[in-house]
Amino acid sequence: MPKASMSKTGLSNGLSNSLSDTMFKIYKYAGFITPLIAFSSIGLAIIIHPWFSFENNAISDLGRIGLEGNYILNFGLIGSGLAGLIFASGFLRVQKRKLGKIGCLIFTLGIVSLVLIGVFPEGMSFHYPASLGFFLLSSLGMLVKGIDDFRDASKRNFGIFTISLFLIGWILAIIALRTFKGVAIPELIGAVSFSAWVYGILLWRGME
């Protein structure tokens, strides 16, 4: 009986570890493809709509109601957001400190807003709150998590990177808002900042 019990325990632990490894890989792969889906859909939408101007338009103009091919951007944002939610949920699960959990939760809410941008495209009343929520919540979540990492000696360098990314991103976005008629460039700056942070987690900081 003891041997059988130990065998069952070993099998259970092995299955648990295998499942954990599988889920960890899913979280990582989801993180890798999140920006790729978003930028691919934006790029394709721009190609089929040559009137688009970064200086004069918003990225959401490519997905507005009534525009032919608007599904390219909207479905892309929804797909990117769903992949981002898988990544964000995995990152949230491994947080050990309260501040880190709060930061990841805020960032996750920002990703939910990204999905809602695609669900409620430009021309619908909920579109602008969703768009604003994406940029504000995602950047705030980054900042809070960056502060949490800065307080951990083993993650301090990445915390500095995150806080710097937040500050530089906002400074450049504000300058762009004051310089250009459209908001596509500030939106792009924000998207690049979030993507750099996600890839930084995956390739430098680690998910743990």
Foldseek 3Di string as FASTA:
>chain_A
DVVVVVVVVVVVVVVVVVVVVVLQVLLLVLLVCLLVLQVVLLVVLCVVVVVDDLQAAASLVSQAPPDPPNLSNLVSLLSSLVSVLSNLVLLLVPDDDPLLNVLSVLLNQLSVLSNVCSVQGPPGPCNVVSVVSNLVSNLSSLLSNLVVLCVPPVRNVLSVVSNVLSVVLVVVQVVSVVVGNYNHVNVVSSSVSSSVNSVCQSPPVDSD
